Amino acid sequence: MERKMDRDVAIRLDGMLLAAQANLDSIAHYMKNNLSADEYSRLVRSIGTAMAALVDTSSDLHSRFADITPKELQPPGK
């Protein structure tokens, strides 16, 4: 039997994705402060790729459940 995602699961997943994005951001800052510019430039690309994938997943959740979209990501006037 296939289970469909409900709003509560989407909210939980969105929070987990946000936490993962914050962790990746911390990693990128740590790398910037502790690696040479060349090493940082080479390694940070994978962090950016991972963050983009997480943003895409959050966007999918927000399109399914518009009411869970954070206010700062909503278009003006909504």
Protein backbone atom coordinates (compact mmCIF):
# COMPACT_ATOMS: atom_id res chain seq x y z
CA MET A 1 0.00 0.00 0.00
CA GLU A 2 1.38 3.37 -1.03
CA ARG A 3 1.49 6.10 1.61
CA LYS A 4 0.90 9.71 0.63
CA MET A 5 2.73 12.52 2.32
CA ASP A 6 0.59 14.58 4.66
CA ARG A 7 1.12 18.17 5.76
CA ASP A 8 2.72 17.25 9.11
CA VAL A 9 5.32 15.06 7.42
CA ALA A 10 6.04 17.85 4.91
CA ILE A 11 6.55 20.35 7.73
CA ARG A 12 8.95 17.99 9.52
CA LEU A 13 10.88 17.27 6.32
CA ASP A 14 11.12 20.97 5.50
CA GLY A 15 12.60 21.66 8.93
CA MET A 16 15.09 18.84 8.52
CA LEU A 17 16.09 20.15 5.09
CA LEU A 18 16.57 23.63 6.54
CA ALA A 19 18.82 22.21 9.26
CA ALA A 20 20.87 20.35 6.65
CA GLN A 21 21.24 23.57 4.63
CA ALA A 22 22.45 25.42 7.74
CA ASN A 23 24.98 22.66 8.41
CA LEU A 24 26.29 22.82 4.85
CA ASP A 25 26.55 26.60 5.15
CA SER A 26 28.62 26.17 8.32
CA ILE A 27 30.88 23.70 6.52
CA ALA A 28 31.39 26.15 3.65
CA HIS A 29 32.31 28.96 6.07
CA TYR A 30 34.69 26.68 7.95
CA MET A 31 36.35 25.67 4.71
CA LYS A 32 36.69 29.29 3.63
CA ASN A 33 38.38 30.20 6.90
CA ASN A 34 40.70 27.19 7.00
CA LEU A 35 41.67 26.32 3.43
CA SER A 36 43.63 28.04 0.72
CA ALA A 37 41.59 29.92 -1.85
CA ASP A 38 42.31 27.21 -4.43
CA GLU A 39 41.29 24.35 -2.13
CA TYR A 40 38.19 26.21 -1.02
CA SER A 41 37.14 26.99 -4.58
CA ARG A 42 37.54 23.37 -5.61
CA LEU A 43 35.76 21.84 -2.62
CA VAL A 44 32.94 24.32 -2.09
CA ARG A 45 31.33 23.42 -5.41
CA SER A 46 30.06 20.13 -4.02
CA ILE A 47 28.57 22.00 -1.06
CA GLY A 48 26.75 24.31 -3.47
CA THR A 49 25.45 21.37 -5.49
CA ALA A 50 24.13 19.69 -2.34
CA MET A 51 22.49 22.91 -1.14
CA ALA A 52 20.79 23.39 -4.51
CA ALA A 53 19.35 19.87 -4.31
CA LEU A 54 18.00 20.56 -0.82
CA VAL A 55 16.43 23.83 -1.99
CA ASP A 56 14.78 21.97 -4.89
CA THR A 57 13.33 19.43 -2.45
CA SER A 58 12.01 22.19 -0.17
CA SER A 59 10.49 23.94 -3.18
CA ASP A 60 8.68 20.73 -4.09
CA LEU A 61 7.26 20.50 -0.56
CA HIS A 62 6.19 24.17 -0.70
CA SER A 63 4.44 23.64 -4.03
CA ARG A 64 2.49 20.71 -2.58
CA PHE A 65 1.66 22.46 0.68
CA ALA A 66 1.70 26.21 -0.01
CA ASP A 67 0.73 27.05 3.56
CA ILE A 68 4.06 25.71 4.88
CA THR A 69 6.09 28.11 2.74
CA PRO A 70 8.03 30.47 5.04
CA LYS A 71 6.78 34.06 4.84
CA GLU A 72 10.16 35.31 3.64
CA LEU A 73 9.88 33.01 0.60
CA GLN A 74 6.33 34.04 -0.32
CA PRO A 75 5.76 36.61 -3.07
CA PRO A 76 4.94 40.12 -1.85
CA GLY A 77 1.26 40.65 -1.08
CA LYS A 78 0.51 37.06 -0.16
